[in-house]
């Protein structure tokens, strides 16, 4: 796919994989022909949430989604068509006869307030 090849040359493929960031997990989708991109998964009860196009790279859509520790299934809804994450090789069969992308979150980054680690009441 040409759009996928363009994205790989523009940026490191690892930067397009889901990754833990402050506030949750950063999900990215690259598609030069995409006019709308949403993400849905068990982490948001399969309610599609819109990804926003970036200004820096045309065709790159991103969103930070709060995700709890655990293994989660998700998919992108691109131009009203469900798609697995092209930058995440981890997939599993779903109950509809297709496949979902999988993300495993083992630890979340610490939460900081004003440059200091927030006090959560746990040690």
PDB file of N, CA and C in Angstrom:
ATOM      1  N   UNK A   1       0.841  -1.176   0.000  1.00  0.00           N
ATOM      2  CA  UNK A   1       0.000   0.000   0.000  1.00  0.00           C
ATOM      3  C   UNK A   1       0.891   1.247   0.000  1.00  0.00           C
ATOM      4  N   UNK A   2       0.668   2.150  -0.946  1.00  0.00           N
ATOM      5  CA  UNK A   2       1.512   3.337  -1.095  1.00  0.00           C
ATOM      6  C   UNK A   2       1.478   4.240   0.129  1.00  0.00           C
ATOM      7  N   UNK A   3       0.306   4.433   0.729  1.00  0.00           N
ATOM      8  CA  UNK A   3       0.204   5.299   1.905  1.00  0.00           C
ATOM      9  C   UNK A   3       1.059   4.750   3.044  1.00  0.00           C
ATOM     10  N   UNK A   4       1.043   3.426   3.222  1.00  0.00           N
ATOM     11  CA  UNK A   4       1.842   2.800   4.264  1.00  0.00           C
ATOM     12  C   UNK A   4       3.326   2.988   3.980  1.00  0.00           C
ATOM     13  N   UNK A   5       3.725   2.850   2.724  1.00  0.00           N
ATOM     14  CA  UNK A   5       5.128   3.046   2.351  1.00  0.00           C
ATOM     15  C   UNK A   5       5.552   4.488   2.609  1.00  0.00           C
ATOM     16  N   UNK A   6       4.684   5.457   2.280  1.00  0.00           N
ATOM     17  CA  UNK A   6       4.995   6.867   2.527  1.00  0.00           C
ATOM     18  C   UNK A   6       5.178   7.136   4.013  1.00  0.00           C
ATOM     19  N   UNK A   7       4.321   6.573   4.849  1.00  0.00           N
ATOM     20  CA  UNK A   7       4.418   6.787   6.288  1.00  0.00           C
ATOM     21  C   UNK A   7       5.712   6.209   6.821  1.00  0.00           C
ATOM     22  N   UNK A   8       6.100   5.043   6.318  1.00  0.00           N
ATOM     23  CA  UNK A   8       7.323   4.402   6.799  1.00  0.00           C
ATOM     24  C   UNK A   8       8.555   5.217   6.442  1.00  0.00           C
ATOM     25  N   UNK A   9       8.534   5.887   5.289  1.00  0.00           N
ATOM     26  CA  UNK A   9       9.683   6.703   4.925  1.00  0.00           C
ATOM     27  C   UNK A   9       9.685   8.028   5.672  1.00  0.00           C
ATOM     28  N   UNK A  10       8.520   8.541   6.057  1.00  0.00           N
ATOM     29  CA  UNK A  10       8.441   9.816   6.756  1.00  0.00           C
ATOM     30  C   UNK A  10       8.834   9.718   8.221  1.00  0.00           C
ATOM     31  N   UNK A  11       8.596   8.584   8.831  1.00  0.00           N
ATOM     32  CA  UNK A  11       8.857   8.455  10.261  1.00  0.00           C
ATOM     33  C   UNK A  11       9.210   7.024  10.597  1.00  0.00           C
ATOM     34  N   UNK A  12       9.815   6.848  11.735  1.00  0.00           N
ATOM     35  CA  UNK A  12      10.164   5.531  12.229  1.00  0.00           C
ATOM     36  C   UNK A  12       8.875   4.740  12.467  1.00  0.00           C
ATOM     37  N   UNK A  13       8.814   3.523  11.954  1.00  0.00           N
ATOM     38  CA  UNK A  13       7.609   2.704  12.111  1.00  0.00           C
ATOM     39  C   UNK A  13       7.249   2.505  13.581  1.00  0.00           C
ATOM     40  N   UNK A  14       8.240   2.434  14.451  1.00  0.00           N
ATOM     41  CA  UNK A  14       7.961   2.272  15.880  1.00  0.00           C
ATOM     42  C   UNK A  14       7.179   3.452  16.439  1.00  0.00           C
ATOM     43  N   UNK A  15       7.362   4.633  15.870  1.00  0.00           N
ATOM     44  CA  UNK A  15       6.638   5.805  16.373  1.00  0.00           C
ATOM     45  C   UNK A  15       5.153   5.751  16.019  1.00  0.00           C
ATOM     46  N   UNK A  16       4.757   4.876  15.111  1.00  0.00           N
ATOM     47  CA  UNK A  16       3.351   4.742  14.723  1.00  0.00           C
ATOM     48  C   UNK A  16       2.641   3.614  15.471  1.00  0.00           C
ATOM     49  N   UNK A  17       3.401   2.782  16.162  1.00  0.00           N
ATOM     50  CA  UNK A  17       2.779   1.738  16.981  1.00  0.00           C
ATOM     51  C   UNK A  17       2.147   2.382  18.212  1.00  0.00           C
ATOM     52  N   UNK A  18       1.104   1.768  18.766  1.00  0.00           N
ATOM     53  CA  UNK A  18       0.540   2.311  20.013  1.00  0.00           C
ATOM     54  C   UNK A  18       1.632   2.356  21.077  1.00  0.00           C
ATOM     55  N   UNK A  19       1.673   3.469  21.804  1.00  0.00           N
ATOM     56  CA  UNK A  19       2.681   3.566  22.866  1.00  0.00           C
ATOM     57  C   UNK A  19       2.122   4.334  24.058  1.00  0.00           C
ATOM     58  N   UNK A  20       2.624   3.943  25.235  1.00  0.00           N
ATOM     59  CA  UNK A  20       2.185   4.576  26.471  1.00  0.00           C
ATOM     60  C   UNK A  20       2.749   5.990  26.542  1.00  0.00           C
ATOM     61  N   UNK A  21       1.880   6.931  26.887  1.00  0.00           N
ATOM     62  CA  UNK A  21       2.259   8.327  27.085  1.00  0.00           C
ATOM     63  C   UNK A  21       1.492   8.840  28.296  1.00  0.00           C
ATOM     64  N   UNK A  22       1.853  10.020  28.743  1.00  0.00           N
ATOM     65  CA  UNK A  22       1.131  10.627  29.851  1.00  0.00           C
ATOM     66  C   UNK A  22      -0.340  10.780  29.452  1.00  0.00           C
ATOM     67  N   UNK A  23      -1.229  10.220  30.217  1.00  0.00           N
ATOM     68  CA  UNK A  23      -2.659  10.310  29.919  1.00  0.00           C
ATOM     69  C   UNK A  23      -3.243   9.064  29.300  1.00  0.00           C
ATOM     70  N   UNK A  24      -2.414   8.088  28.921  1.00  0.00           N
ATOM     71  CA  UNK A  24      -2.944   6.862  28.331  1.00  0.00           C
ATOM     72  C   UNK A  24      -2.044   6.272  27.273  1.00  0.00           C
ATOM     73  N   UNK A  25      -2.644   5.879  26.162  1.00  0.00           N
ATOM     74  CA  UNK A  25      -1.914   5.284  25.042  1.00  0.00           C
ATOM     75  C   UNK A  25      -2.146   6.155  23.817  1.00  0.00           C
ATOM     76  N   UNK A  26      -1.057   6.464  23.105  1.00  0.00           N
ATOM     77  CA  UNK A  26      -1.150   7.230  21.862  1.00  0.00           C
ATOM     78  C   UNK A  26      -1.351   6.249  20.720  1.00  0.00           C
ATOM     79  N   UNK A  27      -2.497   6.374  20.041  1.00  0.00           N
ATOM     80  CA  UNK A  27      -2.795   5.568  18.868  1.00  0.00           C
ATOM     81  C   UNK A  27      -2.607   6.435  17.634  1.00  0.00           C
ATOM     82  N   UNK A  28      -2.020   5.853  16.591  1.00  0.00           N
ATOM     83  CA  UNK A  28      -1.765   6.583  15.343  1.00  0.00           C
ATOM     84  C   UNK A  28      -2.260   5.764  14.167  1.00  0.00           C
ATOM     85  N   UNK A  29      -2.807   6.458  13.184  1.00  0.00           N
ATOM     86  CA  UNK A  29      -3.227   5.818  11.939  1.00  0.00           C
ATOM     87  C   UNK A  29      -2.736   6.684  10.792  1.00  0.00           C
ATOM     88  N   UNK A  30      -2.135   6.073   9.788  1.00  0.00           N
ATOM     89  CA  UNK A  30      -1.697   6.813   8.609  1.00  0.00           C
ATOM     90  C   UNK A  30      -2.484   6.342   7.402  1.00  0.00           C
ATOM     91  N   UNK A  31      -3.116   7.292   6.716  1.00  0.00           N
ATOM     92  CA  UNK A  31      -3.850   6.979   5.499  1.00  0.00           C
ATOM     93  C   UNK A  31      -4.112   8.256   4.728  1.00  0.00           C
ATOM     94  N   UNK A  32      -3.409   8.442   3.616  1.00  0.00           N
ATOM     95  CA  UNK A  32      -3.547   9.684   2.854  1.00  0.00           C
ATOM     96  C   UNK A  32      -4.943   9.836   2.254  1.00  0.00           C
ATOM     97  N   UNK A  33      -5.682   8.726   2.108  1.00  0.00           N
ATOM     98  CA  UNK A  33      -7.026   8.791   1.533  1.00  0.00           C
ATOM     99  C   UNK A  33      -8.117   8.833   2.602  1.00  0.00           C
ATOM    100  N   UNK A  34      -7.721   8.878   3.878  1.00  0.00           N
ATOM    101  CA  UNK A  34      -8.709   8.869   4.964  1.00  0.00           C
ATOM    102  C   UNK A  34      -9.351  10.240   5.124  1.00  0.00           C
ATOM    103  N   UNK A  35     -10.679  10.239   5.191  1.00  0.00           N
ATOM    104  CA  UNK A  35     -11.399  11.489   5.465  1.00  0.00           C
ATOM    105  C   UNK A  35     -11.947  11.501   6.885  1.00  0.00           C
ATOM    106  N   UNK A  36     -12.002  10.323   7.530  1.00  0.00           N
ATOM    107  CA  UNK A  36     -12.382  10.230   8.940  1.00  0.00           C
ATOM    108  C   UNK A  36     -11.748   8.978   9.520  1.00  0.00           C
ATOM    109  N   UNK A  37     -11.249   9.106  10.748  1.00  0.00           N
ATOM    110  CA  UNK A  37     -10.626   7.979  11.444  1.00  0.00           C
ATOM    111  C   UNK A  37     -11.109   7.985  12.894  1.00  0.00           C
ATOM    112  N   UNK A  38     -11.616   6.846  13.326  1.00  0.00           N
ATOM    113  CA  UNK A  38     -12.071   6.656  14.699  1.00  0.00           C
ATOM    114  C   UNK A  38     -11.353   5.443  15.275  1.00  0.00           C
ATOM    115  N   UNK A  39     -11.347   5.351  16.600  1.00  0.00           N
ATOM    116  CA  UNK A  39     -10.827   4.165  17.266  1.00  0.00           C
ATOM    117  C   UNK A  39     -11.881   3.669  18.240  1.00  0.00           C
ATOM    118  N   UNK A  40     -11.996   2.346  18.317  1.00  0.00           N
ATOM    119  CA  UNK A  40     -12.914   1.731  19.275  1.00  0.00           C
ATOM    120  C   UNK A  40     -12.262   0.457  19.779  1.00  0.00           C
ATOM    121  N   UNK A  41     -12.535   0.151  21.039  1.00  0.00           N
ATOM    122  CA  UNK A  41     -11.979  -1.063  21.615  1.00  0.00           C
ATOM    123  C   UNK A  41     -12.662  -1.379  22.925  1.00  0.00           C
ATOM    124  N   UNK A  42     -12.221  -2.464  23.543  1.00  0.00           N
ATOM    125  CA  UNK A  42     -12.853  -2.812  24.815  1.00  0.00           C
ATOM    126  C   UNK A  42     -12.512  -1.801  25.904  1.00  0.00           C
ATOM    127  N   UNK A  43     -11.466  -1.004  25.706  1.00  0.00           N
ATOM    128  CA  UNK A  43     -11.103   0.028  26.684  1.00  0.00           C
ATOM    129  C   UNK A  43     -12.091   1.188  26.704  1.00  0.00           C
ATOM    130  N   UNK A  44     -12.888   1.353  25.643  1.00  0.00           N
ATOM    131  CA  UNK A  44     -13.911   2.410  25.632  1.00  0.00           C
ATOM    132  C   UNK A  44     -15.293   1.840  25.279  1.00  0.00           C
ATOM    133  N   UNK A  45     -15.470   0.551  25.594  1.00  0.00           N
ATOM    134  CA  UNK A  45     -16.746  -0.146  25.379  1.00  0.00           C
ATOM    135  C   UNK A  45     -17.167  -0.134  23.907  1.00  0.00           C
ATOM    136  N   UNK A  46     -16.187  -0.132  23.014  1.00  0.00           N
ATOM    137  CA  UNK A  46     -16.409  -0.159  21.566  1.00  0.00           C
ATOM    138  C   UNK A  46     -17.233   1.035  21.067  1.00  0.00           C
ATOM    139  N   UNK A  47     -17.091   2.157  21.751  1.00  0.00           N
ATOM    140  CA  UNK A  47     -17.699   3.414  21.288  1.00  0.00           C
ATOM    141  C   UNK A  47     -16.633   4.154  20.479  1.00  0.00           C
ATOM    142  N   UNK A  48     -16.893   4.372  19.216  1.00  0.00           N
ATOM    143  CA  UNK A  48     -15.898   4.985  18.329  1.00  0.00           C
ATOM    144  C   UNK A  48     -15.595   6.429  18.745  1.00  0.00           C
ATOM    145  N   UNK A  49     -14.304   6.710  18.941  1.00  0.00           N
ATOM    146  CA  UNK A  49     -13.826   8.052  19.291  1.00  0.00           C
ATOM    147  C   UNK A  49     -12.959   8.557  18.137  1.00  0.00           C
ATOM    148  N   UNK A  50     -13.141   9.808  17.779  1.00  0.00           N
ATOM    149  CA  UNK A  50     -12.443  10.357  16.623  1.00  0.00           C
ATOM    150  C   UNK A  50     -10.955  10.586  16.908  1.00  0.00           C
ATOM    151  N   UNK A  51     -10.122  10.268  15.917  1.00  0.00           N
ATOM    152  CA  UNK A  51      -8.723  10.645  15.934  1.00  0.00           C
ATOM    153  C   UNK A  51      -8.618  11.960  15.185  1.00  0.00           C
ATOM    154  N   UNK A  52      -7.669  12.794  15.547  1.00  0.00           N
ATOM    155  CA  UNK A  52      -7.497  14.090  14.896  1.00  0.00           C
ATOM    156  C   UNK A  52      -6.327  14.053  13.928  1.00  0.00           C
ATOM    157  N   UNK A  53      -6.482  14.698  12.768  1.00  0.00           N
ATOM    158  CA  UNK A  53      -5.349  14.756  11.833  1.00  0.00           C
ATOM    159  C   UNK A  53      -4.257  15.655  12.402  1.00  0.00           C
ATOM    160  N   UNK A  54      -3.004  15.266  12.173  1.00  0.00           N
ATOM    161  CA  UNK A  54      -1.893  16.082  12.644  1.00  0.00           C
ATOM    162  C   UNK A  54      -1.563  17.147  11.611  1.00  0.00           C
ATOM    163  N   UNK A  55      -0.959  18.208  12.066  1.00  0.00           N
ATOM    164  CA  UNK A  55      -0.542  19.290  11.175  1.00  0.00           C
ATOM    165  C   UNK A  55       0.803  18.952  10.540  1.00  0.00           C
ATOM    166  N   UNK A  56       1.662  18.239  11.288  1.00  0.00           N
ATOM    167  CA  UNK A  56       3.018  17.977  10.836  1.00  0.00           C
ATOM    168  C   UNK A  56       3.105  17.019   9.649  1.00  0.00           C
ATOM    169  N   UNK A  57       2.268  15.987   9.633  1.00  0.00           N
ATOM    170  CA  UNK A  57       2.338  14.970   8.585  1.00  0.00           C
ATOM    171  C   UNK A  57       0.946  14.777   7.999  1.00  0.00           C
ATOM    172  N   UNK A  58       0.801  15.080   6.729  1.00  0.00           N
ATOM    173  CA  UNK A  58      -0.493  14.894   6.064  1.00  0.00           C
ATOM    174  C   UNK A  58      -0.833  13.409   6.024  1.00  0.00           C
ATOM    175  N   UNK A  59      -2.053  13.082   6.423  1.00  0.00           N
ATOM    176  CA  UNK A  59      -2.500  11.693   6.425  1.00  0.00           C
ATOM    177  C   UNK A  59      -2.296  10.983   7.753  1.00  0.00           C
ATOM    178  N   UNK A  60      -1.664  11.645   8.730  1.00  0.00           N
ATOM    179  CA  UNK A  60      -1.438  11.039  10.037  1.00  0.00           C
ATOM    180  C   UNK A  60      -2.510  11.508  11.013  1.00  0.00           C
ATOM    181  N   UNK A  61      -3.190  10.557  11.638  1.00  0.00           N
ATOM    182  CA  UNK A  61      -4.265  10.817  12.598  1.00  0.00           C
ATOM    183  C   UNK A  61      -3.827  10.237  13.931  1.00  0.00           C
ATOM    184  N   UNK A  62      -4.094  10.959  15.041  1.00  0.00           N
ATOM    185  CA  UNK A  62      -3.665  10.487  16.350  1.00  0.00           C
ATOM    186  C   UNK A  62      -4.669  10.831  17.445  1.00  0.00           C
ATOM    187  N   UNK A  63      -4.604  10.035  18.535  1.00  0.00           N
ATOM    188  CA  UNK A  63      -5.435  10.297  19.714  1.00  0.00           C
ATOM    189  C   UNK A  63      -4.808   9.598  20.907  1.00  0.00           C
ATOM    190  N   UNK A  64      -4.803  10.286  22.056  1.00  0.00           N
ATOM    191  CA  UNK A  64      -4.410   9.666  23.314  1.00  0.00           C
ATOM    192  C   UNK A  64      -5.688   9.164  23.987  1.00  0.00           C
ATOM    193  N   UNK A  65      -5.709   7.869  24.295  1.00  0.00           N
ATOM    194  CA  UNK A  65      -6.880   7.239  24.888  1.00  0.00           C
ATOM    195  C   UNK A  65      -6.501   6.705  26.269  1.00  0.00           C
ATOM    196  N   UNK A  66      -7.269   7.051  27.301  1.00  0.00           N
ATOM    197  CA  UNK A  66      -7.012   6.461  28.618  1.00  0.00           C
ATOM    198  C   UNK A  66      -7.262   4.955  28.563  1.00  0.00           C
ATOM    199  N   UNK A  67      -6.272   4.173  28.977  1.00  0.00           N
ATOM    200  CA  UNK A  67      -6.363   2.718  28.916  1.00  0.00           C
ATOM    201  C   UNK A  67      -5.849   2.150  30.234  1.00  0.00           C
ATOM    202  N   UNK A  68      -6.585   1.214  30.791  1.00  0.00           N
ATOM    203  CA  UNK A  68      -6.168   0.555  32.040  1.00  0.00           C
ATOM    204  C   UNK A  68      -5.159  -0.546  31.730  1.00  0.00           C
ATOM    205  N   UNK A  69      -4.446  -0.977  32.763  1.00  0.00           N
ATOM    206  CA  UNK A  69      -3.520  -2.092  32.629  1.00  0.00           C
ATOM    207  C   UNK A  69      -4.297  -3.336  32.209  1.00  0.00           C
ATOM    208  N   UNK A  70      -3.750  -4.099  31.258  1.00  0.00           N
ATOM    209  CA  UNK A  70      -4.383  -5.320  30.782  1.00  0.00           C
ATOM    210  C   UNK A  70      -4.189  -5.496  29.288  1.00  0.00           C
ATOM    211  N   UNK A  71      -4.832  -6.503  28.737  1.00  0.00           N
ATOM    212  CA  UNK A  71      -4.790  -6.777  27.300  1.00  0.00           C
ATOM    213  C   UNK A  71      -6.096  -6.290  26.695  1.00  0.00           C
ATOM    214  N   UNK A  72      -5.992  -5.517  25.614  1.00  0.00           N
ATOM    215  CA  UNK A  72      -7.170  -4.893  25.023  1.00  0.00           C
ATOM    216  C   UNK A  72      -7.249  -5.135  23.519  1.00  0.00           C
ATOM    217  N   UNK A  73      -8.472  -5.361  23.050  1.00  0.00           N
ATOM    218  CA  UNK A  73      -8.760  -5.469  21.613  1.00  0.00           C
ATOM    219  C   UNK A  73      -9.198  -4.089  21.120  1.00  0.00           C
ATOM    220  N   UNK A  74      -8.809  -3.746  19.887  1.00  0.00           N
ATOM    221  CA  UNK A  74      -9.253  -2.480  19.296  1.00  0.00           C
ATOM    222  C   UNK A  74      -9.189  -2.553  17.778  1.00  0.00           C
ATOM    223  N   UNK A  75      -9.876  -1.604  17.142  1.00  0.00           N
ATOM    224  CA  UNK A  75      -9.849  -1.442  15.687  1.00  0.00           C
ATOM    225  C   UNK A  75     -10.012   0.025  15.346  1.00  0.00           C
ATOM    226  N   UNK A  76      -9.587   0.368  14.147  1.00  0.00           N
ATOM    227  CA  UNK A  76      -9.842   1.698  13.601  1.00  0.00           C
ATOM    228  C   UNK A  76     -11.058   1.629  12.688  1.00  0.00           C
ATOM    229  N   UNK A  77     -11.832   2.695  12.675  1.00  0.00           N
ATOM    230  CA  UNK A  77     -12.947   2.843  11.744  1.00  0.00           C
ATOM    231  C   UNK A  77     -12.546   3.960  10.791  1.00  0.00           C
ATOM    232  N   UNK A  78     -12.137   3.558   9.582  1.00  0.00           N
ATOM    233  CA  UNK A  78     -11.590   4.497   8.601  1.00  0.00           C
ATOM    234  C   UNK A  78     -12.566   4.606   7.438  1.00  0.00           C
ATOM    235  N   UNK A  79     -13.053   5.825   7.208  1.00  0.00           N
ATOM    236  CA  UNK A  79     -14.039   6.036   6.137  1.00  0.00           C
ATOM    237  C   UNK A  79     -15.163   5.002   6.220  1.00  0.00           C
ATOM    238  N   UNK A  80     -15.633   4.756   7.455  1.00  0.00           N
ATOM    239  CA  UNK A  80     -16.744   3.841   7.743  1.00  0.00           C
ATOM    240  C   UNK A  80     -16.422   2.367   7.475  1.00  0.00           C
ATOM    241  N   UNK A  81     -15.137   2.010   7.461  1.00  0.00           N
ATOM    242  CA  UNK A  81     -14.717   0.617   7.275  1.00  0.00           C
ATOM    243  C   UNK A  81     -13.798   0.223   8.434  1.00  0.00           C
ATOM    244  N   UNK A  82     -14.104  -0.896   9.091  1.00  0.00           N
ATOM    245  CA  UNK A  82     -13.292  -1.369  10.204  1.00  0.00           C
ATOM    246  C   UNK A  82     -11.964  -1.919   9.703  1.00  0.00           C
ATOM    247  N   UNK A  83     -10.864  -1.513  10.372  1.00  0.00           N
ATOM    248  CA  UNK A  83      -9.527  -1.969   9.975  1.00  0.00           C
ATOM    249  C   UNK A  83      -8.688  -2.259  11.211  1.00  0.00           C
ATOM    250  N   UNK A  84      -7.837  -3.277  11.110  1.00  0.00           N
ATOM    251  CA  UNK A  84      -6.855  -3.493  12.164  1.00  0.00           C
ATOM    252  C   UNK A  84      -5.746  -2.463  11.991  1.00  0.00           C
ATOM    253  N   UNK A  85      -4.933  -2.340  13.015  1.00  0.00           N
ATOM    254  CA  UNK A  85      -3.841  -1.373  13.034  1.00  0.00           C
ATOM    255  C   UNK A  85      -2.703  -1.868  12.139  1.00  0.00           C
ATOM    256  N   UNK A  86      -2.397  -1.170  11.043  1.00  0.00           N
ATOM    257  CA  UNK A  86      -1.349  -1.651  10.133  1.00  0.00           C
ATOM    258  C   UNK A  86       0.055  -1.586  10.735  1.00  0.00           C
ATOM    259  N   UNK A  87       0.236  -0.881  11.838  1.00  0.00           N
ATOM    260  CA  UNK A  87       1.551  -0.764  12.456  1.00  0.00           C
ATOM    261  C   UNK A  87       1.682  -1.626  13.709  1.00  0.00           C
ATOM    262  N   UNK A  88       0.678  -2.451  13.985  1.00  0.00           N
ATOM    263  CA  UNK A  88       0.703  -3.345  15.136  1.00  0.00           C
ATOM    264  C   UNK A  88       0.451  -4.765  14.633  1.00  0.00           C
ATOM    265  N   UNK A  89       1.470  -5.607  14.726  1.00  0.00           N
ATOM    266  CA  UNK A  89       1.361  -6.986  14.242  1.00  0.00           C
ATOM    267  C   UNK A  89       0.558  -7.893  15.166  1.00  0.00           C
ATOM    268  N   UNK A  90       0.297  -7.435  16.389  1.00  0.00           N
ATOM    269  CA  UNK A  90      -0.435  -8.263  17.348  1.00  0.00           C
ATOM    270  C   UNK A  90      -1.929  -8.215  17.031  1.00  0.00           C
ATOM    271  N   UNK A  91      -2.476  -9.345  16.612  1.00  0.00           N
ATOM    272  CA  UNK A  91      -3.907  -9.451  16.302  1.00  0.00           C
ATOM    273  C   UNK A  91      -4.455 -10.732  16.922  1.00  0.00           C
ATOM    274  N   UNK A  92      -5.767 -10.756  17.093  1.00  0.00           N
ATOM    275  CA  UNK A  92      -6.445 -11.946  17.614  1.00  0.00           C
ATOM    276  C   UNK A  92      -7.814 -12.037  16.961  1.00  0.00           C
ATOM    277  N   UNK A  93      -8.323 -13.260  16.786  1.00  0.00           N
ATOM    278  CA  UNK A  93      -9.660 -13.414  16.216  1.00  0.00           C
ATOM    279  C   UNK A  93     -10.710 -12.793  17.128  1.00  0.00           C
ATOM    280  N   UNK A  94     -11.770 -12.254  16.511  1.00  0.00           N
ATOM    281  CA  UNK A  94     -12.877 -11.716  17.306  1.00  0.00           C
ATOM    282  C   UNK A  94     -14.121 -12.576  17.105  1.00  0.00           C
ATOM    283  N   UNK A  95     -15.176 -12.291  17.824  1.00  0.00           N
ATOM    284  CA  UNK A  95     -16.391 -13.102  17.781  1.00  0.00           C
ATOM    285  C   UNK A  95     -17.224 -12.884  16.520  1.00  0.00           C
ATOM    286  N   UNK A  96     -16.781 -11.972  15.641  1.00  0.00           N
ATOM    287  CA  UNK A  96     -17.522 -11.690  14.402  1.00  0.00           C
ATOM    288  C   UNK A  96     -16.876 -12.343  13.185  1.00  0.00           C
ATOM    289  N   UNK A  97     -15.894 -13.208  13.410  1.00  0.00           N
ATOM    290  CA  UNK A  97     -15.235 -13.902  12.311  1.00  0.00           C
ATOM    291  C   UNK A  97     -14.078 -13.132  11.701  1.00  0.00           C
ATOM    292  N   UNK A  98     -13.731 -11.993  12.263  1.00  0.00           N
ATOM    293  CA  UNK A  98     -12.610 -11.201  11.768  1.00  0.00           C
ATOM    294  C   UNK A  98     -11.492 -11.159  12.797  1.00  0.00           C
ATOM    295  N   UNK A  99     -10.687 -10.114  12.710  1.00  0.00           N
ATOM    296  CA  UNK A  99      -9.561  -9.949  13.618  1.00  0.00           C
ATOM    297  C   UNK A  99      -9.573  -8.555  14.234  1.00  0.00           C
ATOM    298  N   UNK A 100      -9.057  -8.470  15.454  1.00  0.00           N
ATOM    299  CA  UNK A 100      -8.852  -7.201  16.145  1.00  0.00           C
ATOM    300  C   UNK A 100      -7.369  -7.026  16.391  1.00  0.00           C
ATOM    301  N   UNK A 101      -6.924  -5.795  16.461  1.00  0.00           N
ATOM    302  CA  UNK A 101      -5.576  -5.507  16.934  1.00  0.00           C
ATOM    303  C   UNK A 101      -5.582  -5.661  18.448  1.00  0.00           C
ATOM    304  N   UNK A 102      -4.425  -5.978  19.008  1.00  0.00           N
ATOM    305  CA  UNK A 102      -4.278  -6.215  20.443  1.00  0.00           C
ATOM    306  C   UNK A 102      -3.186  -5.304  20.982  1.00  0.00           C
ATOM    307  N   UNK A 103      -3.440  -4.727  22.142  1.00  0.00           N
ATOM    308  CA  UNK A 103      -2.403  -3.993  22.863  1.00  0.00           C
ATOM    309  C   UNK A 103      -2.363  -4.513  24.286  1.00  0.00           C
ATOM    310  N   UNK A 104      -1.129  -4.737  24.782  1.00  0.00           N
ATOM    311  CA  UNK A 104      -0.935  -5.177  26.154  1.00  0.00           C
ATOM    312  C   UNK A 104      -0.303  -4.033  26.932  1.00  0.00           C
ATOM    313  N   UNK A 105      -1.003  -3.582  27.958  1.00  0.00           N
ATOM    314  CA  UNK A 105      -0.512  -2.498  28.803  1.00  0.00           C
ATOM    315  C   UNK A 105      -0.164  -3.120  30.150  1.00  0.00           C
ATOM    316  N   UNK A 106       1.137  -3.148  30.453  1.00  0.00           N
ATOM    317  CA  UNK A 106       1.554  -3.774  31.701  1.00  0.00           C
ATOM    318  C   UNK A 106       1.791  -2.764  32.815  1.00  0.00           C
ATOM    319  N   UNK A 107       2.033  -1.516  32.433  1.00  0.00           N
ATOM    320  CA  UNK A 107       2.322  -0.492  33.428  1.00  0.00           C
ATOM    321  C   UNK A 107       2.050   0.852  32.781  1.00  0.00           C
ATOM    322  N   UNK A 108       1.432   1.737  33.522  1.00  0.00           N
ATOM    323  CA  UNK A 108       1.155   3.072  33.005  1.00  0.00           C
ATOM    324  C   UNK A 108       2.225   4.043  33.480  1.00  0.00           C
ATOM    325  N   UNK A 109       2.517   5.097  32.690  1.00  0.00           N
ATOM    326  CA  UNK A 109       3.488   6.083  33.157  1.00  0.00           C
ATOM    327  C   UNK A 109       2.961   6.812  34.387  1.00  0.00           C
ATOM    328  N   UNK A 110       3.865   7.296  35.250  1.00  0.00           N
ATOM    329  CA  UNK A 110       3.411   8.029  36.426  1.00  0.00           C
ATOM    330  C   UNK A 110       2.710   9.320  36.030  1.00  0.00           C
ATOM    331  N   UNK A 111       1.808   9.756  36.895  1.00  0.00           N
ATOM    332  CA  UNK A 111       1.080  11.001  36.655  1.00  0.00           C
ATOM    333  C   UNK A 111       1.816  12.130  37.366  1.00  0.00           C
ATOM    334  N   UNK A 112       2.069  13.220  36.653  1.00  0.00           N
ATOM    335  CA  UNK A 112       2.785  14.349  37.223  1.00  0.00           C
ATOM    336  C   UNK A 112       1.906  15.585  37.260  1.00  0.00           C
ATOM    337  N   UNK A 113       2.059  16.352  38.320  1.00  0.00           N
ATOM    338  CA  UNK A 113       1.369  17.633  38.444  1.00  0.00           C
ATOM    339  C   UNK A 113       2.429  18.681  38.723  1.00  0.00           C
ATOM    340  N   UNK A 114       2.476  19.734  37.919  1.00  0.00           N
ATOM    341  CA  UNK A 114       3.438  20.816  38.115  1.00  0.00           C
ATOM    342  C   UNK A 114       4.875  20.297  38.214  1.00  0.00           C
ATOM    343  N   UNK A 115       5.208  19.298  37.407  1.00  0.00           N
ATOM    344  CA  UNK A 115       6.560  18.793  37.369  1.00  0.00           C
ATOM    345  C   UNK A 115       6.916  17.837  38.495  1.00  0.00           C
ATOM    346  N   UNK A 116       5.978  17.543  39.407  1.00  0.00           N
ATOM    347  CA  UNK A 116       6.251  16.622  40.513  1.00  0.00           C
ATOM    348  C   UNK A 116       5.279  15.459  40.432  1.00  0.00           C
ATOM    349  N   UNK A 117       5.759  14.296  40.856  1.00  0.00           N
ATOM    350  CA  UNK A 117       4.913  13.115  40.853  1.00  0.00           C
ATOM    351  C   UNK A 117       3.725  13.341  41.780  1.00  0.00           C
ATOM    352  N   UNK A 118       2.527  13.058  41.281  1.00  0.00           N
ATOM    353  CA  UNK A 118       1.308  13.262  42.071  1.00  0.00           C
ATOM    354  C   UNK A 118       1.256  12.278  43.228  1.00  0.00           C
ATOM    355  N   UNK A 119       0.734  12.712  44.331  1.00  0.00           N
ATOM    356  CA  UNK A 119       0.556  11.847  45.488  1.00  0.00           C
ATOM    357  C   UNK A 119      -0.783  11.136  45.340  1.00  0.00           C
ATOM    358  N   UNK A 120      -0.722   9.809  45.246  1.00  0.00           N
ATOM    359  CA  UNK A 120      -1.942   9.036  45.009  1.00  0.00           C
ATOM    360  C   UNK A 120      -2.424   8.322  46.250  1.00  0.00           C
ATOM    361  N   UNK A 121      -1.660   8.401  47.338  1.00  0.00           N
ATOM    362  CA  UNK A 121      -2.056   7.694  48.550  1.00  0.00           C
ATOM    363  C   UNK A 121      -1.522   6.278  48.608  1.00  0.00           C
ATOM    364  N   UNK A 122      -0.772   5.869  47.551  1.00  0.00           N
ATOM    365  CA  UNK A 122      -0.163   4.534  47.554  1.00  0.00           C
ATOM    366  C   UNK A 122       1.343   4.708  47.513  1.00  0.00           C
ATOM    367  N   UNK A 123       2.056   3.723  47.992  1.00  0.00           N
ATOM    368  CA  UNK A 123       3.519   3.800  47.993  1.00  0.00           C
ATOM    369  C   UNK A 123       4.089   2.981  46.877  1.00  0.00           C
TER     370      UNK A 123
END
